[in-house]
Amino acid sequence: SEATVALFVCDGKEGLTQLDKIVADWLRKNNRIPTYVLVNKCESETVGITQAQEFWELGLGQPWPVSGIHGTGLGEVLDEVTTKHMVKVTHVLKENATNIALIGRPNVGKSSLFNKLFGKDRSIVSEVAGTTRDTIDEVITRSSGRYRIVDTAGIRRRGKVDYGAEYFMVNRAFKAIKRADVIILLLDAIDGIVEQDRLLADRIA
């Protein structure tokens, strides 16, 4: 596993579901790292404790009532995780890799190219546009140097992007453009060059 700690997030308003039990069962059988059950949407500290109680049934230890929107309980979880499981950083090495960002409209093949470069399924590939929800990066070393390849979420026209998950993932893609030393703009050979490709090219330039 690449992770040091697993945070299993459940929906406190919806309550314990069969899918929660299935995931918890898989974690108990296959997971070898410390796991914390975070019961989200527990905005009220008093009600949240009650909402979280049924998640003891998962058998993964104490459920932590939290609120991702309001921040309730997140400080306690962060303190617990960093104190018990994180190594204190005393020296940060300077980044010496060339940052390369893969940019393009949804479903033009960014994740497929990313996986091909590394020879493994690091990014999820699907015919459904918008599968990549966040930026994913990996470092590759060649005789010429080190390269950090960044796979970004597909960027649709601004008018089609609603405020929410897609809005934030597009913002992270734009941040990847700003941080990149090299940008690869992927196009769809079947669709040809469309207006959104031109807009992205202008944004990059």
N, C-alpha and C. Protein backbone atom coordinates (compact mmCIF):
# COMPACT_ATOMS: atom_id res chain seq x y z
N SER A 1 0.83 -1.19 0.00
CA SER A 1 0.00 0.00 0.00
C SER A 1 0.87 1.25 0.00
N GLU A 2 0.43 2.28 -0.75
CA GLU A 2 1.15 3.54 -0.78
C GLU A 2 0.81 4.41 0.41
N ALA A 3 -0.29 4.12 1.08
CA ALA A 3 -0.76 4.95 2.19
C ALA A 3 -0.18 4.50 3.52
N THR A 4 -0.08 5.44 4.44
CA THR A 4 0.34 5.14 5.81
C THR A 4 -0.88 4.91 6.70
N VAL A 5 -1.95 5.63 6.41
CA VAL A 5 -3.19 5.55 7.18
C VAL A 5 -4.37 5.58 6.20
N ALA A 6 -5.43 4.83 6.52
CA ALA A 6 -6.64 4.84 5.70
C ALA A 6 -7.76 5.55 6.46
N LEU A 7 -8.45 6.48 5.79
CA LEU A 7 -9.60 7.16 6.36
C LEU A 7 -10.84 6.68 5.62
N PHE A 8 -11.67 5.91 6.31
CA PHE A 8 -12.89 5.35 5.72
C PHE A 8 -14.04 6.30 6.04
N VAL A 9 -14.53 7.02 5.02
CA VAL A 9 -15.54 8.06 5.23
C VAL A 9 -16.94 7.51 4.96
N CYS A 10 -17.83 7.67 5.94
CA CYS A 10 -19.21 7.21 5.83
C CYS A 10 -20.16 8.41 5.97
N ASP A 11 -21.40 8.20 5.61
CA ASP A 11 -22.41 9.25 5.64
C ASP A 11 -23.23 9.15 6.92
N GLY A 12 -23.04 10.11 7.84
CA GLY A 12 -23.74 10.06 9.11
C GLY A 12 -25.23 10.29 8.99
N LYS A 13 -25.66 11.11 8.03
CA LYS A 13 -27.09 11.38 7.86
C LYS A 13 -27.80 10.16 7.27
N GLU A 14 -27.14 9.50 6.35
CA GLU A 14 -27.74 8.31 5.74
C GLU A 14 -27.72 7.13 6.68
N GLY A 15 -26.74 7.11 7.57
CA GLY A 15 -26.61 6.01 8.50
C GLY A 15 -25.82 4.86 7.91
N LEU A 16 -25.65 3.82 8.68
CA LEU A 16 -24.89 2.65 8.27
C LEU A 16 -25.60 1.93 7.13
N THR A 17 -24.90 1.68 6.03
CA THR A 17 -25.49 1.03 4.87
C THR A 17 -24.82 -0.32 4.62
N GLN A 18 -25.44 -1.09 3.74
CA GLN A 18 -24.88 -2.39 3.38
C GLN A 18 -23.54 -2.22 2.66
N LEU A 19 -23.43 -1.15 1.86
CA LEU A 19 -22.17 -0.89 1.17
C LEU A 19 -21.05 -0.56 2.15
N ASP A 20 -21.39 0.17 3.22
CA ASP A 20 -20.40 0.45 4.27
C ASP A 20 -19.88 -0.87 4.86
N LYS A 21 -20.79 -1.79 5.08
CA LYS A 21 -20.41 -3.08 5.67
C LYS A 21 -19.51 -3.89 4.72
N ILE A 22 -19.81 -3.81 3.43
CA ILE A 22 -19.01 -4.53 2.44
C ILE A 22 -17.59 -3.97 2.39
N VAL A 23 -17.49 -2.63 2.37
CA VAL A 23 -16.16 -2.00 2.34
C VAL A 23 -15.39 -2.31 3.62
N ALA A 24 -16.08 -2.24 4.75
CA ALA A 24 -15.43 -2.52 6.04
C ALA A 24 -14.93 -3.96 6.09
N ASP A 25 -15.72 -4.88 5.55
CA ASP A 25 -15.33 -6.29 5.53
C ASP A 25 -14.07 -6.47 4.69
N TRP A 26 -14.01 -5.77 3.55
CA TRP A 26 -12.82 -5.85 2.68
C TRP A 26 -11.61 -5.28 3.42
N LEU A 27 -11.79 -4.15 4.12
CA LEU A 27 -10.69 -3.53 4.84
C LEU A 27 -10.15 -4.45 5.94
N ARG A 28 -11.05 -5.11 6.66
CA ARG A 28 -10.61 -6.02 7.73
C ARG A 28 -9.80 -7.18 7.17
N LYS A 29 -10.15 -7.66 5.98
CA LYS A 29 -9.48 -8.82 5.41
C LYS A 29 -8.20 -8.47 4.65
N ASN A 30 -8.15 -7.28 4.05
CA ASN A 30 -7.05 -6.96 3.13
C ASN A 30 -6.16 -5.81 3.58
N ASN A 31 -6.66 -4.96 4.45
CA ASN A 31 -5.91 -3.77 4.84
C ASN A 31 -4.91 -4.08 5.94
N ARG A 32 -3.69 -3.54 5.81
CA ARG A 32 -2.66 -3.78 6.81
C ARG A 32 -2.17 -2.49 7.45
N ILE A 33 -2.89 -1.41 7.23
CA ILE A 33 -2.49 -0.13 7.81
C ILE A 33 -3.59 0.37 8.75
N PRO A 34 -3.26 1.27 9.68
CA PRO A 34 -4.27 1.80 10.61
C PRO A 34 -5.43 2.44 9.85
N THR A 35 -6.65 2.14 10.30
CA THR A 35 -7.84 2.65 9.63
C THR A 35 -8.72 3.43 10.60
N TYR A 36 -9.17 4.58 10.17
CA TYR A 36 -10.07 5.41 10.97
C TYR A 36 -11.40 5.55 10.24
N VAL A 37 -12.49 5.34 10.98
CA VAL A 37 -13.82 5.51 10.41
C VAL A 37 -14.29 6.94 10.70
N LEU A 38 -14.46 7.74 9.65
CA LEU A 38 -14.93 9.11 9.79
C LEU A 38 -16.40 9.17 9.37
N VAL A 39 -17.26 9.53 10.30
CA VAL A 39 -18.69 9.63 10.02
C VAL A 39 -18.99 11.08 9.68
N ASN A 40 -19.13 11.36 8.38
CA ASN A 40 -19.28 12.73 7.90
C ASN A 40 -20.72 13.24 8.05
N LYS A 41 -20.88 14.54 7.85
CA LYS A 41 -22.18 15.23 7.93
C LYS A 41 -22.72 15.26 9.37
N CYS A 42 -21.80 15.22 10.33
CA CYS A 42 -22.19 15.35 11.74
C CYS A 42 -21.88 16.78 12.17
N GLU A 43 -22.71 17.71 11.70
CA GLU A 43 -22.46 19.13 11.96
C GLU A 43 -22.59 19.46 13.45
N SER A 44 -23.57 18.86 14.12
CA SER A 44 -23.76 19.11 15.55
C SER A 44 -22.89 18.16 16.37
N GLU A 45 -22.11 18.72 17.29
CA GLU A 45 -21.22 17.88 18.09
C GLU A 45 -22.00 16.88 18.95
N THR A 46 -23.12 17.33 19.52
CA THR A 46 -23.90 16.44 20.40
C THR A 46 -24.64 15.38 19.59
N VAL A 47 -25.34 15.81 18.53
CA VAL A 47 -26.07 14.85 17.69
C VAL A 47 -25.11 13.96 16.93
N GLY A 48 -23.95 14.53 16.57
CA GLY A 48 -22.97 13.77 15.79
C GLY A 48 -22.47 12.54 16.53
N ILE A 49 -22.28 12.67 17.84
CA ILE A 49 -21.83 11.52 18.62
C ILE A 49 -22.86 10.40 18.55
N THR A 50 -24.14 10.77 18.61
CA THR A 50 -25.21 9.77 18.51
C THR A 50 -25.25 9.15 17.12
N GLN A 51 -25.09 9.99 16.08
CA GLN A 51 -25.09 9.49 14.71
C GLN A 51 -23.96 8.48 14.47
N ALA A 52 -22.83 8.72 15.11
CA ALA A 52 -21.65 7.88 14.86
C ALA A 52 -21.70 6.54 15.58
N GLN A 53 -22.53 6.41 16.61
CA GLN A 53 -22.51 5.22 17.45
C GLN A 53 -22.74 3.92 16.68
N GLU A 54 -23.68 3.93 15.72
CA GLU A 54 -23.99 2.68 15.02
C GLU A 54 -22.84 2.17 14.16
N PHE A 55 -21.85 3.04 13.88
CA PHE A 55 -20.73 2.63 13.04
C PHE A 55 -19.70 1.80 13.80
N TRP A 56 -19.89 1.64 15.12
CA TRP A 56 -19.07 0.68 15.87
C TRP A 56 -19.27 -0.71 15.29
N GLU A 57 -20.44 -0.95 14.71
CA GLU A 57 -20.79 -2.26 14.16
C GLU A 57 -19.82 -2.70 13.06
N LEU A 58 -19.14 -1.76 12.44
CA LEU A 58 -18.21 -2.10 11.35
C LEU A 58 -16.99 -2.86 11.85
N GLY A 59 -16.71 -2.79 13.15
CA GLY A 59 -15.58 -3.52 13.70
C GLY A 59 -14.23 -2.93 13.34
N LEU A 60 -14.19 -1.63 13.07
CA LEU A 60 -12.94 -0.97 12.71
C LEU A 60 -12.49 0.03 13.77
N GLY A 61 -13.04 -0.12 14.95
CA GLY A 61 -12.64 0.77 16.03
C GLY A 61 -13.56 1.97 16.16
N GLN A 62 -13.11 2.95 16.91
CA GLN A 62 -13.91 4.12 17.23
C GLN A 62 -14.32 4.91 15.99
N PRO A 63 -15.61 5.17 15.80
CA PRO A 63 -16.04 6.06 14.71
C PRO A 63 -15.89 7.51 15.14
N TRP A 64 -15.39 8.35 14.25
CA TRP A 64 -15.13 9.75 14.55
C TRP A 64 -16.17 10.63 13.85
N PRO A 65 -17.07 11.29 14.60
CA PRO A 65 -18.03 12.19 13.96
C PRO A 65 -17.35 13.46 13.46
N VAL A 66 -17.52 13.78 12.18
CA VAL A 66 -16.88 14.95 11.59
C VAL A 66 -17.84 15.65 10.64
N SER A 67 -17.48 16.85 10.26
CA SER A 67 -18.22 17.58 9.23
C SER A 67 -17.22 18.17 8.25
N GLY A 68 -17.23 17.67 7.02
CA GLY A 68 -16.31 18.18 6.02
C GLY A 68 -16.59 19.63 5.66
N ILE A 69 -17.86 20.05 5.74
CA ILE A 69 -18.23 21.41 5.38
C ILE A 69 -17.86 22.40 6.49
N HIS A 70 -18.20 22.06 7.73
CA HIS A 70 -17.99 22.98 8.84
C HIS A 70 -16.67 22.75 9.59
N GLY A 71 -16.02 21.62 9.33
CA GLY A 71 -14.73 21.35 9.97
C GLY A 71 -14.84 20.73 11.35
N THR A 72 -16.06 20.44 11.79
CA THR A 72 -16.25 19.85 13.12
C THR A 72 -15.54 18.50 13.24
N GLY A 73 -14.74 18.33 14.27
CA GLY A 73 -14.09 17.05 14.54
C GLY A 73 -12.84 16.77 13.73
N LEU A 74 -12.58 17.55 12.70
CA LEU A 74 -11.43 17.27 11.83
C LEU A 74 -10.11 17.53 12.54
N GLY A 75 -10.09 18.52 13.42
CA GLY A 75 -8.86 18.82 14.16
C GLY A 75 -8.43 17.67 15.03
N GLU A 76 -9.40 17.04 15.70
CA GLU A 76 -9.11 15.89 16.56
C GLU A 76 -8.55 14.72 15.76
N VAL A 77 -9.17 14.47 14.59
CA VAL A 77 -8.69 13.38 13.74
C VAL A 77 -7.28 13.67 13.24
N LEU A 78 -7.05 14.89 12.82
CA LEU A 78 -5.74 15.28 12.31
C LEU A 78 -4.67 15.13 13.38
N ASP A 79 -4.98 15.56 14.60
CA ASP A 79 -4.03 15.41 15.70
C ASP A 79 -3.72 13.94 15.97
N GLU A 80 -4.75 13.11 15.97
CA GLU A 80 -4.58 11.68 16.22
C GLU A 80 -3.69 11.03 15.16
N VAL A 81 -3.98 11.34 13.90
CA VAL A 81 -3.24 10.71 12.80
C VAL A 81 -1.80 11.20 12.75
N THR A 82 -1.60 12.50 12.85
CA THR A 82 -0.24 13.03 12.74
C THR A 82 0.63 12.64 13.93
N THR A 83 0.04 12.59 15.11
CA THR A 83 0.80 12.25 16.31
C THR A 83 1.23 10.79 16.32
N LYS A 84 0.34 9.90 15.92
CA LYS A 84 0.60 8.47 16.03
C LYS A 84 1.24 7.84 14.80
N HIS A 85 1.02 8.41 13.63
CA HIS A 85 1.40 7.68 12.43
C HIS A 85 2.27 8.44 11.44
N MET A 86 2.46 9.72 11.62
CA MET A 86 3.23 10.50 10.66
C MET A 86 4.63 10.79 11.18
N VAL A 87 5.60 10.62 10.33
CA VAL A 87 6.99 10.91 10.69
C VAL A 87 7.21 12.42 10.57
N LYS A 88 7.80 13.01 11.60
CA LYS A 88 8.05 14.44 11.58
C LYS A 88 9.06 14.80 10.50
N VAL A 89 8.71 15.77 9.69
CA VAL A 89 9.58 16.21 8.59
C VAL A 89 10.54 17.27 9.12
N THR A 90 11.83 16.97 9.04
CA THR A 90 12.83 17.91 9.53
C THR A 90 13.61 18.55 8.38
N HIS A 91 13.55 17.93 7.21
CA HIS A 91 14.30 18.46 6.07
C HIS A 91 13.54 18.13 4.79
N VAL A 92 13.30 19.14 3.98
CA VAL A 92 12.58 18.95 2.73
C VAL A 92 13.55 19.10 1.57
N LEU A 93 13.65 18.05 0.76
CA LEU A 93 14.54 18.10 -0.39
C LEU A 93 13.94 18.99 -1.48
N LYS A 94 14.78 19.72 -2.14
CA LYS A 94 14.33 20.58 -3.23
C LYS A 94 13.86 19.74 -4.41
N GLU A 95 12.71 20.11 -4.99
CA GLU A 95 12.17 19.37 -6.13
C GLU A 95 13.12 19.51 -7.32
N ASN A 96 13.56 18.37 -7.85
CA ASN A 96 14.48 18.42 -8.98
C ASN A 96 13.90 17.73 -10.21
N ALA A 97 12.58 17.52 -10.19
CA ALA A 97 11.94 16.87 -11.33
C ALA A 97 11.27 17.92 -12.22
N THR A 98 11.27 17.67 -13.52
CA THR A 98 10.57 18.53 -14.46
C THR A 98 9.09 18.20 -14.43
N ASN A 99 8.26 19.19 -14.16
CA ASN A 99 6.82 18.98 -14.07
C ASN A 99 6.17 19.02 -15.45
N ILE A 100 5.49 17.93 -15.80
CA ILE A 100 4.80 17.83 -17.10
C ILE A 100 3.33 17.58 -16.85
N ALA A 101 2.46 18.47 -17.30
CA ALA A 101 1.02 18.36 -17.08
C ALA A 101 0.31 17.90 -18.35
N LEU A 102 -0.57 16.91 -18.20
CA LEU A 102 -1.41 16.44 -19.30
C LEU A 102 -2.75 17.17 -19.20
N ILE A 103 -3.07 17.96 -20.21
CA ILE A 103 -4.25 18.82 -20.19
C ILE A 103 -5.13 18.50 -21.40
N GLY A 104 -6.45 18.65 -21.20
CA GLY A 104 -7.35 18.45 -22.34
C GLY A 104 -8.80 18.38 -21.92
N ARG A 105 -9.68 18.28 -22.90
CA ARG A 105 -11.10 18.11 -22.63
C ARG A 105 -11.35 16.76 -21.98
N PRO A 106 -12.53 16.54 -21.40
CA PRO A 106 -12.84 15.22 -20.83
C PRO A 106 -12.80 14.12 -21.90
N ASN A 107 -12.24 12.99 -21.52
CA ASN A 107 -12.26 11.78 -22.34
C ASN A 107 -11.48 11.88 -23.65
N VAL A 108 -10.36 12.61 -23.63
CA VAL A 108 -9.51 12.65 -24.82
C VAL A 108 -8.34 11.67 -24.70
N GLY A 109 -8.22 10.99 -23.55
CA GLY A 109 -7.18 9.96 -23.41
C GLY A 109 -6.03 10.33 -22.50
N LYS A 110 -6.19 11.35 -21.66
CA LYS A 110 -5.09 11.75 -20.77
C LYS A 110 -4.70 10.64 -19.82
N SER A 111 -5.69 10.01 -19.20
CA SER A 111 -5.40 8.96 -18.22
C SER A 111 -4.82 7.72 -18.90
N SER A 112 -5.28 7.42 -20.11
CA SER A 112 -4.73 6.26 -20.84
C SER A 112 -3.25 6.48 -21.15
N LEU A 113 -2.91 7.69 -21.57
CA LEU A 113 -1.51 8.02 -21.85
C LEU A 113 -0.69 7.97 -20.57
N PHE A 114 -1.24 8.51 -19.49
CA PHE A 114 -0.56 8.51 -18.19
C PHE A 114 -0.24 7.08 -17.77
N ASN A 115 -1.22 6.18 -17.84
CA ASN A 115 -1.00 4.78 -17.47
C ASN A 115 0.02 4.11 -18.37
N LYS A 116 -0.01 4.44 -19.66
CA LYS A 116 0.92 3.83 -20.62
C LYS A 116 2.36 4.24 -20.30
N LEU A 117 2.55 5.48 -19.91
CA LEU A 117 3.89 5.97 -19.59
C LEU A 117 4.50 5.22 -18.40
N PHE A 118 3.64 4.83 -17.45
CA PHE A 118 4.14 4.18 -16.24
C PHE A 118 3.95 2.67 -16.25
N GLY A 119 3.28 2.16 -17.25
CA GLY A 119 3.11 0.72 -17.37
C GLY A 119 2.24 0.11 -16.30
N LYS A 120 1.32 0.91 -15.74
CA LYS A 120 0.41 0.40 -14.71
C LYS A 120 -0.83 1.27 -14.69
N ASP A 121 -1.91 0.72 -14.10
CA ASP A 121 -3.16 1.47 -14.04
C ASP A 121 -3.17 2.38 -12.83
N ARG A 122 -2.50 3.52 -12.96
CA ARG A 122 -2.45 4.51 -11.88
C ARG A 122 -3.70 5.38 -11.89
N SER A 123 -4.19 5.69 -13.09
CA SER A 123 -5.41 6.48 -13.23
C SER A 123 -6.53 5.58 -13.72
N ILE A 124 -7.76 5.88 -13.29
CA ILE A 124 -8.93 5.13 -13.75
C ILE A 124 -9.27 5.55 -15.16
N VAL A 125 -9.45 4.57 -16.05
CA VAL A 125 -9.79 4.85 -17.44
C VAL A 125 -11.19 4.34 -17.71
N SER A 126 -12.02 5.20 -18.30
CA SER A 126 -13.40 4.84 -18.60
C SER A 126 -13.88 5.63 -19.80
N GLU A 127 -14.87 5.09 -20.53
CA GLU A 127 -15.47 5.83 -21.64
C GLU A 127 -16.36 6.95 -21.13
N VAL A 128 -16.68 6.92 -19.83
CA VAL A 128 -17.53 7.96 -19.25
C VAL A 128 -16.68 9.20 -18.99
N ALA A 129 -17.06 10.31 -19.61
CA ALA A 129 -16.31 11.55 -19.43
C ALA A 129 -16.37 11.99 -17.98
N GLY A 130 -15.25 12.54 -17.47
CA GLY A 130 -15.22 13.05 -16.11
C GLY A 130 -14.82 12.02 -15.07
N THR A 131 -14.27 10.88 -15.50
CA THR A 131 -13.88 9.84 -14.55
C THR A 131 -12.75 10.32 -13.63
N THR A 132 -11.77 11.03 -14.19
CA THR A 132 -10.69 11.58 -13.38
C THR A 132 -11.21 12.78 -12.62
N ARG A 133 -11.28 12.68 -11.29
CA ARG A 133 -11.87 13.72 -10.47
C ARG A 133 -10.84 14.63 -9.82
N ASP A 134 -9.56 14.29 -9.95
CA ASP A 134 -8.55 15.10 -9.30
C ASP A 134 -7.23 14.91 -10.04
N THR A 135 -6.26 15.75 -9.74
CA THR A 135 -4.95 15.60 -10.35
C THR A 135 -4.21 14.44 -9.69
N ILE A 136 -3.53 13.64 -10.51
CA ILE A 136 -2.75 12.51 -10.02
C ILE A 136 -1.35 12.65 -10.61
N ASP A 137 -0.32 12.50 -9.80
CA ASP A 137 1.03 12.67 -10.32
C ASP A 137 1.90 11.48 -9.95
N GLU A 138 2.92 11.27 -10.74
CA GLU A 138 3.87 10.19 -10.52
C GLU A 138 5.21 10.63 -11.11
N VAL A 139 6.29 10.21 -10.48
CA VAL A 139 7.63 10.58 -10.97
C VAL A 139 8.22 9.43 -11.77
N ILE A 140 8.78 9.77 -12.92
CA ILE A 140 9.45 8.78 -13.76
C ILE A 140 10.90 9.24 -13.96
N THR A 141 11.83 8.29 -13.88
CA THR A 141 13.25 8.61 -14.01
C THR A 141 13.81 8.01 -15.30
N ARG A 142 14.47 8.83 -16.06
CA ARG A 142 15.14 8.41 -17.28
C ARG A 142 16.59 8.88 -17.22
N SER A 143 17.39 8.45 -18.19
CA SER A 143 18.81 8.83 -18.19
C SER A 143 18.97 10.34 -18.29
N SER A 144 17.96 11.01 -18.86
CA SER A 144 18.04 12.46 -19.03
C SER A 144 17.59 13.23 -17.79
N GLY A 145 16.98 12.53 -16.82
CA GLY A 145 16.56 13.22 -15.61
C GLY A 145 15.28 12.66 -15.02
N ARG A 146 14.72 13.39 -14.07
CA ARG A 146 13.47 12.99 -13.40
C ARG A 146 12.33 13.86 -13.91
N TYR A 147 11.17 13.21 -14.12
CA TYR A 147 10.01 13.92 -14.66
C TYR A 147 8.77 13.58 -13.83
N ARG A 148 8.08 14.61 -13.39
CA ARG A 148 6.82 14.41 -12.66
C ARG A 148 5.67 14.62 -13.65
N ILE A 149 4.98 13.53 -13.96
CA ILE A 149 3.86 13.58 -14.91
C ILE A 149 2.58 13.79 -14.11
N VAL A 150 1.79 14.77 -14.49
CA VAL A 150 0.55 15.09 -13.78
C VAL A 150 -0.65 14.86 -14.69
N ASP A 151 -1.52 13.93 -14.30
CA ASP A 151 -2.76 13.67 -15.02
C ASP A 151 -3.86 14.53 -14.40
N THR A 152 -4.52 15.33 -15.20
CA THR A 152 -5.53 16.26 -14.68
C THR A 152 -6.93 15.88 -15.13
N ALA A 153 -7.91 16.43 -14.44
CA ALA A 153 -9.30 16.22 -14.83
C ALA A 153 -9.59 16.95 -16.14
N GLY A 154 -10.51 16.38 -16.93
CA GLY A 154 -10.90 17.01 -18.18
C GLY A 154 -11.56 18.35 -17.94
N ILE A 155 -11.27 19.32 -18.81
CA ILE A 155 -11.78 20.68 -18.63
C ILE A 155 -12.85 20.97 -19.69
N ARG A 156 -14.09 21.16 -19.22
CA ARG A 156 -15.18 21.52 -20.13
C ARG A 156 -15.29 23.04 -20.22
N ARG A 157 -16.17 23.50 -21.12
CA ARG A 157 -16.40 24.93 -21.25
C ARG A 157 -16.95 25.48 -19.94
N ARG A 158 -16.56 26.71 -19.62
CA ARG A 158 -16.91 27.30 -18.32
C ARG A 158 -18.41 27.29 -18.07
N GLY A 159 -19.20 27.55 -19.08
CA GLY A 159 -20.64 27.61 -18.91
C GLY A 159 -21.27 26.28 -18.55
N LYS A 160 -20.58 25.19 -18.81
CA LYS A 160 -21.11 23.85 -18.52
C LYS A 160 -20.68 23.32 -17.15
N VAL A 161 -19.80 24.04 -16.49
CA VAL A 161 -19.26 23.57 -15.21
C VAL A 161 -20.08 24.15 -14.06
N ASP A 162 -20.75 23.29 -13.31
CA ASP A 162 -21.53 23.73 -12.15
C ASP A 162 -20.62 23.84 -10.93
N TYR A 163 -21.02 24.71 -9.99
CA TYR A 163 -20.26 24.83 -8.75
C TYR A 163 -20.38 23.52 -7.97
N GLY A 164 -19.27 22.98 -7.56
CA GLY A 164 -19.27 21.71 -6.86
C GLY A 164 -17.99 20.98 -7.14
N ALA A 165 -18.05 19.64 -7.18
CA ALA A 165 -16.85 18.82 -7.36
C ALA A 165 -16.12 19.16 -8.66
N GLU A 166 -16.88 19.29 -9.75
CA GLU A 166 -16.23 19.56 -11.04
C GLU A 166 -15.56 20.93 -11.04
N TYR A 167 -16.19 21.91 -10.42
CA TYR A 167 -15.62 23.25 -10.35
C TYR A 167 -14.24 23.22 -9.69
N PHE A 168 -14.13 22.49 -8.59
CA PHE A 168 -12.85 22.44 -7.86
C PHE A 168 -11.81 21.61 -8.61
N MET A 169 -12.24 20.53 -9.28
CA MET A 169 -11.25 19.72 -9.99
C MET A 169 -10.71 20.47 -11.22
N VAL A 170 -11.55 21.29 -11.84
CA VAL A 170 -11.07 22.11 -12.96
C VAL A 170 -10.09 23.16 -12.46
N ASN A 171 -10.38 23.75 -11.29
CA ASN A 171 -9.44 24.72 -10.70
C ASN A 171 -8.09 24.08 -10.42
N ARG A 172 -8.11 22.82 -9.95
CA ARG A 172 -6.84 22.13 -9.68
C ARG A 172 -6.09 21.85 -10.99
N ALA A 173 -6.84 21.61 -12.06
CA ALA A 173 -6.19 21.40 -13.35
C ALA A 173 -5.51 22.69 -13.81
N PHE A 174 -6.17 23.84 -13.60
CA PHE A 174 -5.57 25.12 -13.97
C PHE A 174 -4.33 25.41 -13.12
N LYS A 175 -4.36 25.01 -11.84
CA LYS A 175 -3.19 25.19 -10.99
C LYS A 175 -2.03 24.33 -11.49
N ALA A 176 -2.35 23.13 -11.99
CA ALA A 176 -1.31 22.26 -12.54
C ALA A 176 -0.66 22.91 -13.76
N ILE A 177 -1.46 23.64 -14.54
CA ILE A 177 -0.92 24.36 -15.70
C ILE A 177 0.09 25.41 -15.24
N LYS A 178 -0.25 26.14 -14.17
CA LYS A 178 0.64 27.20 -13.68
C LYS A 178 1.95 26.64 -13.14
N ARG A 179 1.88 25.45 -12.51
CA ARG A 179 3.09 24.86 -11.90
C ARG A 179 3.96 24.11 -12.90
N ALA A 180 3.42 23.81 -14.07
CA ALA A 180 4.12 22.93 -15.01
C ALA A 180 5.28 23.62 -15.71
N ASP A 181 6.33 22.84 -15.96
CA ASP A 181 7.43 23.30 -16.80
C ASP A 181 7.13 23.01 -18.27
N VAL A 182 6.40 21.91 -18.48
CA VAL A 182 5.99 21.50 -19.83
C VAL A 182 4.52 21.11 -19.78
N ILE A 183 3.76 21.50 -20.80
CA ILE A 183 2.34 21.15 -20.87
C ILE A 183 2.07 20.39 -22.15
N ILE A 184 1.40 19.24 -22.01
CA ILE A 184 0.98 18.46 -23.18
C ILE A 184 -0.53 18.61 -23.32
N LEU A 185 -0.97 19.24 -24.40
CA LEU A 185 -2.39 19.41 -24.68
C LEU A 185 -2.85 18.29 -25.58
N LEU A 186 -3.70 17.41 -25.03
CA LEU A 186 -4.17 16.26 -25.80
C LEU A 186 -5.45 16.61 -26.55
N LEU A 187 -5.53 16.15 -27.81
CA LEU A 187 -6.69 16.37 -28.66
C LEU A 187 -7.28 15.02 -29.06
N ASP A 188 -8.52 15.04 -29.46
CA ASP A 188 -9.20 13.83 -29.94
C ASP A 188 -9.13 13.81 -31.46
N ALA A 189 -8.41 12.81 -32.01
CA ALA A 189 -8.22 12.74 -33.46
C ALA A 189 -9.54 12.56 -34.21
N ILE A 190 -10.51 11.92 -33.56
CA ILE A 190 -11.80 11.69 -34.22
C ILE A 190 -12.62 12.98 -34.27
N ASP A 191 -12.66 13.70 -33.15
CA ASP A 191 -13.42 14.96 -33.11
C ASP A 191 -12.73 16.08 -33.86
N GLY A 192 -11.40 15.99 -33.96
CA GLY A 192 -10.66 17.10 -34.54
C GLY A 192 -10.52 18.22 -33.54
N ILE A 193 -10.05 19.37 -34.00
CA ILE A 193 -9.87 20.52 -33.11
C ILE A 193 -11.21 21.23 -32.95
N VAL A 194 -11.68 21.30 -31.70
CA VAL A 194 -12.95 21.97 -31.41
C VAL A 194 -12.67 23.26 -30.65
N GLU A 195 -13.72 24.05 -30.43
CA GLU A 195 -13.55 25.36 -29.82
C GLU A 195 -12.90 25.29 -28.44
N GLN A 196 -13.28 24.27 -27.63
CA GLN A 196 -12.70 24.15 -26.30
C GLN A 196 -11.20 23.90 -26.36
N ASP A 197 -10.73 23.18 -27.39
CA ASP A 197 -9.29 22.96 -27.56
C ASP A 197 -8.59 24.30 -27.79
N ARG A 198 -9.20 25.16 -28.59
CA ARG A 198 -8.62 26.49 -28.86
C ARG A 198 -8.58 27.33 -27.58
N LEU A 199 -9.65 27.27 -26.82
CA LEU A 199 -9.70 28.02 -25.56
C LEU A 199 -8.61 27.56 -24.59
N LEU A 200 -8.42 26.22 -24.51
CA LEU A 200 -7.38 25.69 -23.62
C LEU A 200 -5.99 26.09 -24.11
N ALA A 201 -5.80 26.06 -25.44
CA ALA A 201 -4.50 26.47 -26.00
C ALA A 201 -4.21 27.92 -25.66
N ASP A 202 -5.24 28.77 -25.72
CA ASP A 202 -5.06 30.19 -25.37
C ASP A 202 -4.73 30.31 -23.89
N ARG A 203 -5.38 29.52 -23.06
CA ARG A 203 -5.15 29.56 -21.61
C ARG A 203 -3.69 29.15 -21.32
N ILE A 204 -3.22 28.13 -21.99
CA ILE A 204 -1.85 27.65 -21.78
C ILE A 204 -0.83 28.69 -22.25
N ALA A 205 -1.13 29.30 -23.41
CA ALA A 205 -0.19 30.28 -23.98
C ALA A 205 -0.10 31.53 -23.11
